[in-house]
């Protein structure tokens, strides 16, 4: 009798475990299906034109702050002042209607060290002229997912003397996205 009772209790334990697992999965399924989720974009839009005007009012620099094409917006606009260890630069992150990313850095009084730090290791031999004033560096082996600087475009007449001012576009997007942002940025770039 005790042997039969022990078998019955063992079967009940396994059966009860199965029912409790089933009930737990059902509860999780109801929570996943029924509870509302916030699927809005959590990245705030930044008024880069307002920030640029504030910086220009307190410095002698003329910042690029273009009016963007329909659907494009800015997620970050950062001013880094000139110090003994950094070059003055203005960086903007442009986000497209399909979440494309193209970043821009405008810098003053650069040197070769600053420029090739922006491009990364092994960039020098991979830079090619793509237009009269545009140079482009593309990573030879892009990563998956792409990195922020898989493609860098540099607006300068001459790269051999890496001194003076520079404008960089960077990202991992299509040529069309780079061309679009380049066209709106150059409308606002002094001396372009």
Protein backbone atom coordinates (compact mmCIF):
# COMPACT_ATOMS: atom_id res chain seq x y z
CA UNK A 1 0.00 0.00 0.00
CA UNK A 2 2.71 2.43 0.81
CA UNK A 3 4.40 1.57 -2.49
CA UNK A 4 1.23 2.41 -4.48
CA UNK A 5 0.71 5.64 -2.49
CA UNK A 6 4.29 6.73 -3.19
CA UNK A 7 3.84 6.11 -6.94
CA UNK A 8 0.57 8.06 -6.90
CA UNK A 9 2.20 11.00 -5.11
CA UNK A 10 5.13 10.95 -7.58
CA UNK A 11 2.74 11.01 -10.56
CA UNK A 12 0.77 13.86 -8.94
CA UNK A 13 3.96 15.86 -8.40
CA UNK A 14 4.93 15.56 -12.08
CA UNK A 15 1.34 16.31 -13.15
CA UNK A 16 1.15 19.35 -10.85
CA UNK A 17 4.50 20.59 -12.14
CA UNK A 18 3.19 20.33 -15.72
CA UNK A 19 0.02 22.25 -14.84
CA UNK A 20 1.97 24.98 -13.04
CA UNK A 21 4.34 25.38 -16.01
CA UNK A 22 1.39 25.59 -18.40
CA UNK A 23 -0.30 28.19 -16.18
CA UNK A 24 2.93 30.23 -15.99
CA UNK A 25 3.35 30.21 -19.78
CA UNK A 26 -0.29 31.21 -20.24
CA UNK A 27 0.15 34.12 -17.83
CA UNK A 28 3.29 35.31 -19.63
CA UNK A 29 1.52 35.05 -23.00
CA UNK A 30 -1.42 37.12 -21.72
CA UNK A 31 0.98 39.79 -20.39
CA UNK A 32 2.93 39.96 -23.66
CA UNK A 33 -0.20 40.15 -25.80
CA UNK A 34 -2.46 42.30 -23.64
CA UNK A 35 -0.16 44.87 -22.06
CA UNK A 36 0.42 48.00 -24.20
CA UNK A 37 3.99 48.80 -25.19
CA UNK A 38 5.42 52.22 -25.97
CA UNK A 39 6.98 51.89 -29.40
CA UNK A 40 7.71 55.57 -29.87
CA UNK A 41 11.19 56.81 -30.63
CA UNK A 42 13.04 57.47 -27.39
CA UNK A 43 15.70 59.62 -29.03
CA UNK A 44 14.83 63.27 -28.62
CA UNK A 45 15.02 65.68 -31.51
CA UNK A 46 17.55 68.46 -31.08
CA UNK A 47 17.26 72.01 -32.41
CA UNK A 48 20.71 72.23 -33.98
CA UNK A 49 20.06 75.68 -35.44
CA UNK A 50 19.29 77.13 -31.99
CA UNK A 51 22.41 75.51 -30.50
CA UNK A 52 24.55 76.77 -33.40
CA UNK A 53 23.31 80.34 -32.90
CA UNK A 54 24.14 80.15 -29.17
CA UNK A 55 27.67 78.91 -29.94
CA UNK A 56 28.21 81.52 -32.65
CA UNK A 57 27.11 84.28 -30.26
CA UNK A 58 29.81 83.27 -27.77
CA UNK A 59 32.64 82.37 -30.19
CA UNK A 60 34.23 83.60 -33.42
CA UNK A 61 33.28 80.47 -35.33
CA UNK A 62 30.75 80.20 -38.17
CA UNK A 63 28.92 76.88 -37.66
CA UNK A 64 27.14 74.80 -40.28
CA UNK A 65 23.49 74.40 -39.27
CA UNK A 66 21.59 73.41 -42.42
CA UNK A 67 17.87 73.28 -43.01
CA UNK A 68 17.18 69.58 -43.48
CA UNK A 69 15.21 67.78 -46.18
CA UNK A 70 11.73 66.47 -45.42
CA UNK A 71 11.79 63.60 -42.93
CA UNK A 72 15.35 64.21 -41.69
CA UNK A 73 16.04 65.40 -38.14
CA UNK A 74 18.92 65.86 -35.69
CA UNK A 75 19.49 63.60 -32.68
CA UNK A 76 22.67 65.24 -31.39
CA UNK A 77 24.45 68.57 -31.83
CA UNK A 78 27.65 69.03 -29.82
CA UNK A 79 30.13 71.89 -29.63
CA UNK A 80 33.66 71.06 -28.43
CA UNK A 81 35.74 74.19 -27.77
CA UNK A 82 39.41 74.52 -28.68
CA UNK A 83 41.71 73.44 -25.84
CA UNK A 84 45.34 72.41 -25.67
CA UNK A 85 44.36 68.78 -26.29
CA UNK A 86 41.41 69.13 -28.69
CA UNK A 87 40.56 70.91 -31.90
CA UNK A 88 37.44 73.09 -31.89
CA UNK A 89 34.69 71.09 -33.60
CA UNK A 90 30.93 71.03 -34.15
CA UNK A 91 29.30 67.61 -34.53
CA UNK A 92 25.75 66.87 -35.67
CA UNK A 93 24.00 63.49 -36.07
CA UNK A 94 21.40 63.49 -38.85
CA UNK A 95 18.66 60.83 -38.79
CA UNK A 96 16.69 60.03 -41.95
CA UNK A 97 13.06 59.02 -42.41
CA UNK A 98 14.04 55.33 -42.50
CA UNK A 99 16.47 55.67 -39.57
CA UNK A 100 19.48 56.33 -41.79
CA UNK A 101 22.42 57.89 -39.97
CA UNK A 102 24.86 60.44 -41.35
CA UNK A 103 27.07 62.36 -38.94
CA UNK A 104 28.89 65.61 -39.61
CA UNK A 105 31.92 67.16 -37.92
CA UNK A 106 33.09 70.66 -38.78
CA UNK A 107 36.55 71.39 -37.38
CA UNK A 108 38.92 74.33 -37.33
CA UNK A 109 42.73 74.47 -37.35
CA UNK A 110 43.12 70.73 -37.76
CA UNK A 111 46.37 68.85 -38.15
CA UNK A 112 47.20 65.45 -39.62
CA UNK A 113 46.92 63.76 -36.22
CA UNK A 114 43.37 64.99 -35.69
CA UNK A 115 42.29 64.05 -39.20
CA UNK A 116 43.62 60.51 -39.13
CA UNK A 117 42.30 59.99 -35.61
CA UNK A 118 38.87 60.71 -37.05
CA UNK A 119 39.41 58.23 -39.86
CA UNK A 120 40.86 55.41 -37.78
CA UNK A 121 43.68 52.95 -38.24
CA UNK A 122 44.81 52.13 -41.73
CA UNK A 123 42.84 54.93 -43.36
CA UNK A 124 45.62 56.77 -45.17
CA UNK A 125 46.03 54.37 -48.11
CA UNK A 126 42.26 53.96 -48.48
CA UNK A 127 41.40 57.64 -49.03
CA UNK A 128 40.43 58.54 -52.58
CA UNK A 129 39.29 61.73 -54.30
CA UNK A 130 35.66 61.45 -55.41
CA UNK A 131 35.07 65.06 -56.50
CA UNK A 132 37.08 68.25 -56.86
CA UNK A 133 36.77 69.01 -53.13
CA UNK A 134 35.53 65.73 -51.62
CA UNK A 135 37.70 62.85 -50.47
CA UNK A 136 36.26 59.57 -49.23
CA UNK A 137 37.51 56.82 -46.98
CA UNK A 138 35.64 53.51 -46.96
CA UNK A 139 36.54 50.66 -44.63
CA UNK A 140 37.94 47.80 -46.65
CA UNK A 141 36.13 45.18 -44.56
CA UNK A 142 32.87 46.64 -43.23
CA UNK A 143 31.54 45.16 -40.01
CA UNK A 144 28.10 43.68 -39.56
CA UNK A 145 26.32 45.62 -38.20
CA UNK A 146 28.05 48.62 -39.79
CA UNK A 147 30.03 50.96 -37.59
CA UNK A 148 29.51 54.68 -37.35
CA UNK A 149 32.59 55.49 -39.42
CA UNK A 150 32.54 52.83 -42.12
CA UNK A 151 32.43 55.66 -44.67
CA UNK A 152 33.97 59.09 -44.07
CA UNK A 153 33.81 61.94 -46.56
CA UNK A 154 36.15 64.89 -46.13
CA UNK A 155 35.50 68.26 -47.73
CA UNK A 156 38.91 69.83 -48.40
CA UNK A 157 40.65 71.05 -51.47
CA UNK A 158 43.90 69.36 -50.51
CA UNK A 159 44.39 66.47 -48.12
CA UNK A 160 48.16 66.35 -48.44
CA UNK A 161 48.45 69.36 -46.15
CA UNK A 162 46.11 68.32 -43.36
CA UNK A 163 45.93 71.78 -41.85
CA UNK A 164 43.24 74.43 -41.67
CA UNK A 165 39.52 73.74 -41.55
CA UNK A 166 37.71 70.55 -42.51
CA UNK A 167 34.22 69.16 -42.87
CA UNK A 168 33.65 65.42 -42.36
CA UNK A 169 30.56 63.37 -43.08
CA UNK A 170 30.50 59.87 -41.61
CA UNK A 171 28.21 56.88 -41.30
CA UNK A 172 27.44 53.60 -42.97
CA UNK A 173 24.61 54.65 -45.26
CA UNK A 174 24.11 54.70 -49.02
CA UNK A 175 25.81 57.08 -51.44
CA UNK A 176 22.44 58.77 -52.02
CA UNK A 177 22.11 59.60 -48.30
CA UNK A 178 25.64 61.00 -48.22
CA UNK A 179 24.99 63.03 -51.38
CA UNK A 180 21.75 64.43 -49.95
CA UNK A 181 23.32 65.52 -46.65
CA UNK A 182 26.45 66.81 -48.43
CA UNK A 183 24.29 69.04 -50.64
CA UNK A 184 22.40 70.64 -47.72
CA UNK A 185 25.53 70.98 -45.57
CA UNK A 186 27.55 72.69 -48.33
CA UNK A 187 24.81 75.31 -48.79
CA UNK A 188 25.63 76.45 -45.25
CA UNK A 189 29.41 75.83 -45.23
CA UNK A 190 31.51 79.02 -45.35
CA UNK A 191 33.70 79.11 -48.42
CA UNK A 192 31.99 76.26 -50.26
